[in-house]
Amino acid sequence: KVPRVGKSYGELIALGRDRMSIVL
């Protein structure tokens, strides 16, 4: 999660995409 957007991460997904992926 990202504190500045709250519990829902849906708004972090890029426009036009249905998924996001992070590898750290």
PDB file of all heavy atoms in Angstrom:
ATOM      1  N   LYS A   1       0.859  -1.188   0.000  1.00  0.00           N
ATOM      2  CA  LYS A   1       0.000   0.000   0.000  1.00  0.00           C
ATOM      3  C   LYS A   1       0.890   1.229   0.000  1.00  0.00           C
ATOM      4  O   LYS A   1       2.094   1.146   0.277  1.00  0.00           O
ATOM      5  CB  LYS A   1      -0.936   0.013   1.196  1.00  0.00           C
ATOM      6  CG  LYS A   1      -0.261  -0.011   2.534  1.00  0.00           C
ATOM      7  CD  LYS A   1      -1.285  -0.090   3.648  1.00  0.00           C
ATOM      8  CE  LYS A   1      -0.585  -0.216   4.991  1.00  0.00           C
ATOM      9  NZ  LYS A   1      -1.528  -0.280   6.078  1.00  0.00           N
ATOM     10  N   VAL A   2       0.293   2.342  -0.344  1.00  0.00           N
ATOM     11  CA  VAL A   2       1.002   3.619  -0.361  1.00  0.00           C
ATOM     12  C   VAL A   2       0.196   4.578   0.507  1.00  0.00           C
ATOM     13  O   VAL A   2      -0.947   4.887   0.181  1.00  0.00           O
ATOM     14  CB  VAL A   2       1.145   4.162  -1.803  1.00  0.00           C
ATOM     15  CG1 VAL A   2       1.812   5.522  -1.812  1.00  0.00           C
ATOM     16  CG2 VAL A   2       1.921   3.170  -2.661  1.00  0.00           C
ATOM     17  N   PRO A   3       0.771   5.033   1.618  1.00  0.00           N
ATOM     18  CA  PRO A   3       0.015   5.851   2.569  1.00  0.00           C
ATOM     19  C   PRO A   3      -0.697   7.062   1.961  1.00  0.00           C
ATOM     20  O   PRO A   3      -1.808   7.387   2.366  1.00  0.00           O
ATOM     21  CB  PRO A   3       1.070   6.297   3.586  1.00  0.00           C
ATOM     22  CG  PRO A   3       2.101   5.230   3.537  1.00  0.00           C
ATOM     23  CD  PRO A   3       2.135   4.780   2.103  1.00  0.00           C
ATOM     24  N   ARG A   4      -0.131   7.696   0.971  1.00  0.00           N
ATOM     25  CA  ARG A   4      -0.758   8.907   0.437  1.00  0.00           C
ATOM     26  C   ARG A   4      -2.026   8.637  -0.364  1.00  0.00           C
ATOM     27  O   ARG A   4      -2.772   9.562  -0.649  1.00  0.00           O
ATOM     28  CB  ARG A   4       0.240   9.734  -0.364  1.00  0.00           C
ATOM     29  CG  ARG A   4       0.642   9.170  -1.687  1.00  0.00           C
ATOM     30  CD  ARG A   4       1.658  10.102  -2.382  1.00  0.00           C
ATOM     31  NE  ARG A   4       1.996   9.607  -3.681  1.00  0.00           N
ATOM     32  CZ  ARG A   4       1.396   9.979  -4.808  1.00  0.00           C
ATOM     33  NH1 ARG A   4       0.438  10.868  -4.767  1.00  0.00           N
ATOM     34  NH2 ARG A   4       1.754   9.461  -5.952  1.00  0.00           N
ATOM     35  N   VAL A   5      -2.281   7.373  -0.727  1.00  0.00           N
ATOM     36  CA  VAL A   5      -3.513   7.062  -1.454  1.00  0.00           C
ATOM     37  C   VAL A   5      -4.464   6.186  -0.639  1.00  0.00           C
ATOM     38  O   VAL A   5      -5.503   5.788  -1.130  1.00  0.00           O
ATOM     39  CB  VAL A   5      -3.237   6.393  -2.823  1.00  0.00           C
ATOM     40  CG1 VAL A   5      -2.462   7.304  -3.730  1.00  0.00           C
ATOM     41  CG2 VAL A   5      -2.555   5.069  -2.663  1.00  0.00           C
ATOM     42  N   GLY A   6      -4.118   5.868   0.583  1.00  0.00           N
ATOM     43  CA  GLY A   6      -4.999   5.078   1.429  1.00  0.00           C
ATOM     44  C   GLY A   6      -4.911   3.593   1.149  1.00  0.00           C
ATOM     45  O   GLY A   6      -3.917   3.093   0.634  1.00  0.00           O
ATOM     46  N   LYS A   7      -5.981   2.874   1.465  1.00  0.00           N
ATOM     47  CA  LYS A   7      -5.971   1.414   1.367  1.00  0.00           C
ATOM     48  C   LYS A   7      -6.097   0.902  -0.064  1.00  0.00           C
ATOM     49  O   LYS A   7      -5.647  -0.178  -0.381  1.00  0.00           O
ATOM     50  CB  LYS A   7      -7.103   0.838   2.216  1.00  0.00           C
ATOM     51  CG  LYS A   7      -6.900   1.036   3.692  1.00  0.00           C
ATOM     52  CD  LYS A   7      -7.998   0.381   4.483  1.00  0.00           C
ATOM     53  CE  LYS A   7      -7.762   0.583   5.965  1.00  0.00           C
ATOM     54  NZ  LYS A   7      -8.731  -0.104   6.779  1.00  0.00           N
ATOM     55  N   SER A   8      -6.763   1.651  -0.927  1.00  0.00           N
ATOM     56  CA  SER A   8      -6.966   1.191  -2.296  1.00  0.00           C
ATOM     57  C   SER A   8      -5.804   1.622  -3.179  1.00  0.00           C
ATOM     58  O   SER A   8      -5.460   2.792  -3.238  1.00  0.00           O
ATOM     59  CB  SER A   8      -8.268   1.763  -2.856  1.00  0.00           C
ATOM     60  OG  SER A   8      -8.390   1.438  -4.215  1.00  0.00           O
ATOM     61  N   TYR A   9      -5.216   0.675  -3.871  1.00  0.00           N
ATOM     62  CA  TYR A   9      -4.098   1.001  -4.752  1.00  0.00           C
ATOM     63  C   TYR A   9      -4.553   1.146  -6.195  1.00  0.00           C
ATOM     64  O   TYR A   9      -3.747   1.423  -7.081  1.00  0.00           O
ATOM     65  CB  TYR A   9      -2.986  -0.039  -4.648  1.00  0.00           C
ATOM     66  CG  TYR A   9      -3.420  -1.437  -4.984  1.00  0.00           C
ATOM     67  CD1 TYR A   9      -3.613  -1.849  -6.297  1.00  0.00           C
ATOM     68  CD2 TYR A   9      -3.654  -2.363  -3.976  1.00  0.00           C
ATOM     69  CE1 TYR A   9      -4.024  -3.118  -6.596  1.00  0.00           C
ATOM     70  CE2 TYR A   9      -4.057  -3.649  -4.268  1.00  0.00           C
ATOM     71  CZ  TYR A   9      -4.238  -4.024  -5.588  1.00  0.00           C
ATOM     72  OH  TYR A   9      -4.649  -5.287  -5.879  1.00  0.00           O
ATOM     73  N   GLY A  10      -5.831   0.998  -6.466  1.00  0.00           N
ATOM     74  CA  GLY A  10      -6.332   1.053  -7.843  1.00  0.00           C
ATOM     75  C   GLY A  10      -5.968   2.317  -8.580  1.00  0.00           C
ATOM     76  O   GLY A  10      -5.706   2.295  -9.786  1.00  0.00           O
ATOM     77  N   GLU A  11      -5.930   3.435  -7.880  1.00  0.00           N
ATOM     78  CA  GLU A  11      -5.594   4.694  -8.558  1.00  0.00           C
ATOM     79  C   GLU A  11      -4.113   4.796  -8.913  1.00  0.00           C
ATOM     80  O   GLU A  11      -3.719   5.690  -9.649  1.00  0.00           O
ATOM     81  CB  GLU A  11      -6.028   5.892  -7.728  1.00  0.00           C
ATOM     82  CG  GLU A  11      -5.277   6.065  -6.427  1.00  0.00           C
ATOM     83  CD  GLU A  11      -5.876   7.182  -5.581  1.00  0.00           C
ATOM     84  OE1 GLU A  11      -6.912   6.951  -4.946  1.00  0.00           O
ATOM     85  OE2 GLU A  11      -5.287   8.266  -5.582  1.00  0.00           O
ATOM     86  N   LEU A  12      -3.302   3.874  -8.419  1.00  0.00           N
ATOM     87  CA  LEU A  12      -1.886   3.853  -8.778  1.00  0.00           C
ATOM     88  C   LEU A  12      -1.632   3.122 -10.088  1.00  0.00           C
ATOM     89  O   LEU A  12      -0.565   3.238 -10.673  1.00  0.00           O
ATOM     90  CB  LEU A  12      -1.068   3.191  -7.666  1.00  0.00           C
ATOM     91  CG  LEU A  12      -1.048   3.922  -6.337  1.00  0.00           C
ATOM     92  CD1 LEU A  12      -0.402   3.048  -5.267  1.00  0.00           C
ATOM     93  CD2 LEU A  12      -0.342   5.247  -6.458  1.00  0.00           C
ATOM     94  N   ILE A  13      -2.625   2.362 -10.561  1.00  0.00           N
ATOM     95  CA  ILE A  13      -2.480   1.647 -11.825  1.00  0.00           C
ATOM     96  C   ILE A  13      -2.577   2.660 -12.964  1.00  0.00           C
ATOM     97  O   ILE A  13      -3.474   3.496 -12.989  1.00  0.00           O
ATOM     98  CB  ILE A  13      -3.546   0.545 -11.960  1.00  0.00           C
ATOM     99  CG1 ILE A  13      -3.378  -0.477 -10.824  1.00  0.00           C
ATOM    100  CG2 ILE A  13      -3.453  -0.127 -13.321  1.00  0.00           C
ATOM    101  CD1 ILE A  13      -4.467  -1.520 -10.764  1.00  0.00           C
ATOM    102  N   ALA A  14      -1.646   2.593 -13.889  1.00  0.00           N
ATOM    103  CA  ALA A  14      -1.582   3.539 -15.006  1.00  0.00           C
ATOM    104  C   ALA A  14      -2.875   3.526 -15.814  1.00  0.00           C
ATOM    105  O   ALA A  14      -3.507   2.471 -15.978  1.00  0.00           O
ATOM    106  CB  ALA A  14      -0.394   3.205 -15.909  1.00  0.00           C
ATOM    107  N   LEU A  15      -3.251   4.693 -16.299  1.00  0.00           N
ATOM    108  CA  LEU A  15      -4.435   4.797 -17.150  1.00  0.00           C
ATOM    109  C   LEU A  15      -4.284   3.889 -18.357  1.00  0.00           C
ATOM    110  O   LEU A  15      -3.215   3.824 -18.973  1.00  0.00           O
ATOM    111  CB  LEU A  15      -4.631   6.239 -17.601  1.00  0.00           C
ATOM    112  CG  LEU A  15      -4.987   7.238 -16.497  1.00  0.00           C
ATOM    113  CD1 LEU A  15      -5.030   8.646 -17.073  1.00  0.00           C
ATOM    114  CD2 LEU A  15      -6.304   6.873 -15.849  1.00  0.00           C
ATOM    115  N   GLY A  16      -5.344   3.174 -18.689  1.00  0.00           N
ATOM    116  CA  GLY A  16      -5.314   2.267 -19.828  1.00  0.00           C
ATOM    117  C   GLY A  16      -4.760   0.892 -19.517  1.00  0.00           C
ATOM    118  O   GLY A  16      -4.706   0.036 -20.390  1.00  0.00           O
ATOM    119  N   ARG A  17      -4.352   0.668 -18.304  1.00  0.00           N
ATOM    120  CA  ARG A  17      -3.826  -0.636 -17.884  1.00  0.00           C
ATOM    121  C   ARG A  17      -4.752  -1.243 -16.843  1.00  0.00           C
ATOM    122  O   ARG A  17      -5.421  -0.535 -16.097  1.00  0.00           O
ATOM    123  CB  ARG A  17      -2.425  -0.509 -17.282  1.00  0.00           C
ATOM    124  CG  ARG A  17      -1.398   0.057 -18.203  1.00  0.00           C
ATOM    125  CD  ARG A  17      -1.088  -0.924 -19.291  1.00  0.00           C
ATOM    126  NE  ARG A  17      -0.013  -0.408 -20.121  1.00  0.00           N
ATOM    127  CZ  ARG A  17       0.421  -1.002 -21.185  1.00  0.00           C
ATOM    128  NH1 ARG A  17      -0.105  -2.145 -21.559  1.00  0.00           N
ATOM    129  NH2 ARG A  17       1.378  -0.477 -21.908  1.00  0.00           N
ATOM    130  N   ASP A  18      -4.769  -2.577 -16.764  1.00  0.00           N
ATOM    131  CA  ASP A  18      -5.588  -3.236 -15.750  1.00  0.00           C
ATOM    132  C   ASP A  18      -4.750  -3.839 -14.632  1.00  0.00           C
ATOM    133  O   ASP A  18      -5.279  -4.392 -13.685  1.00  0.00           O
ATOM    134  CB  ASP A  18      -6.484  -4.302 -16.375  1.00  0.00           C
ATOM    135  CG  ASP A  18      -5.706  -5.457 -16.992  1.00  0.00           C
ATOM    136  OD1 ASP A  18      -4.481  -5.331 -17.141  1.00  0.00           O
ATOM    137  OD2 ASP A  18      -6.335  -6.476 -17.316  1.00  0.00           O
ATOM    138  N   ARG A  19      -3.409  -3.730 -14.770  1.00  0.00           N
ATOM    139  CA  ARG A  19      -2.534  -4.279 -13.741  1.00  0.00           C
ATOM    140  C   ARG A  19      -1.257  -3.457 -13.646  1.00  0.00           C
ATOM    141  O   ARG A  19      -0.905  -2.724 -14.574  1.00  0.00           O
ATOM    142  CB  ARG A  19      -2.190  -5.744 -14.029  1.00  0.00           C
ATOM    143  CG  ARG A  19      -1.339  -5.936 -15.272  1.00  0.00           C
ATOM    144  CD  ARG A  19      -1.013  -7.391 -15.562  1.00  0.00           C
ATOM    145  NE  ARG A  19      -0.039  -7.948 -14.673  1.00  0.00           N
ATOM    146  CZ  ARG A  19       1.277  -7.792 -14.773  1.00  0.00           C
ATOM    147  NH1 ARG A  19       1.783  -7.022 -15.721  1.00  0.00           N
ATOM    148  NH2 ARG A  19       2.088  -8.362 -13.932  1.00  0.00           N
ATOM    149  N   MET A  20      -0.589  -3.622 -12.505  1.00  0.00           N
ATOM    150  CA  MET A  20       0.727  -3.013 -12.307  1.00  0.00           C
ATOM    151  C   MET A  20       1.630  -4.052 -11.679  1.00  0.00           C
ATOM    152  O   MET A  20       1.175  -5.009 -11.056  1.00  0.00           O
ATOM    153  CB  MET A  20       0.626  -1.786 -11.407  1.00  0.00           C
ATOM    154  CG  MET A  20       0.182  -2.079 -10.001  1.00  0.00           C
ATOM    155  SD  MET A  20       0.182  -0.557  -9.060  1.00  0.00           S
ATOM    156  CE  MET A  20      -0.707  -1.090  -7.607  1.00  0.00           C
ATOM    157  N   SER A  21       2.925  -3.841 -11.862  1.00  0.00           N
ATOM    158  CA  SER A  21       3.896  -4.783 -11.345  1.00  0.00           C
ATOM    159  C   SER A  21       5.134  -4.025 -10.884  1.00  0.00           C
ATOM    160  O   SER A  21       5.624  -3.151 -11.590  1.00  0.00           O
ATOM    161  CB  SER A  21       4.278  -5.768 -12.451  1.00  0.00           C
ATOM    162  OG  SER A  21       5.330  -6.595 -12.044  1.00  0.00           O
ATOM    163  N   ILE A  22       5.603  -4.384  -9.700  1.00  0.00           N
ATOM    164  CA  ILE A  22       6.813  -3.800  -9.137  1.00  0.00           C
ATOM    165  C   ILE A  22       7.711  -4.946  -8.698  1.00  0.00           C
ATOM    166  O   ILE A  22       7.263  -5.881  -8.031  1.00  0.00           O
ATOM    167  CB  ILE A  22       6.508  -2.928  -7.890  1.00  0.00           C
ATOM    168  CG1 ILE A  22       5.434  -1.887  -8.173  1.00  0.00           C
ATOM    169  CG2 ILE A  22       7.790  -2.305  -7.343  1.00  0.00           C
ATOM    170  CD1 ILE A  22       5.823  -0.822  -9.137  1.00  0.00           C
ATOM    171  N   VAL A  23       8.984  -4.878  -9.059  1.00  0.00           N
ATOM    172  CA  VAL A  23       9.988  -5.831  -8.576  1.00  0.00           C
ATOM    173  C   VAL A  23      11.088  -5.006  -7.917  1.00  0.00           C
ATOM    174  O   VAL A  23      11.645  -4.104  -8.545  1.00  0.00           O
ATOM    175  CB  VAL A  23      10.574  -6.691  -9.709  1.00  0.00           C
ATOM    176  CG1 VAL A  23      11.651  -7.626  -9.176  1.00  0.00           C
ATOM    177  CG2 VAL A  23       9.472  -7.476 -10.414  1.00  0.00           C
ATOM    178  N   LEU A  24      11.357  -5.313  -6.661  1.00  0.00           N
ATOM    179  CA  LEU A  24      12.376  -4.588  -5.905  1.00  0.00           C
ATOM    180  C   LEU A  24      13.370  -5.580  -5.327  1.00  0.00           C
ATOM    181  O   LEU A  24      12.991  -6.512  -4.625  1.00  0.00           O
ATOM    182  CB  LEU A  24      11.736  -3.796  -4.760  1.00  0.00           C
ATOM    183  CG  LEU A  24      12.695  -3.091  -3.805  1.00  0.00           C
ATOM    184  CD1 LEU A  24      13.450  -1.971  -4.510  1.00  0.00           C
ATOM    185  CD2 LEU A  24      11.940  -2.560  -2.590  1.00  0.00           C
TER     186      LEU A  24
END
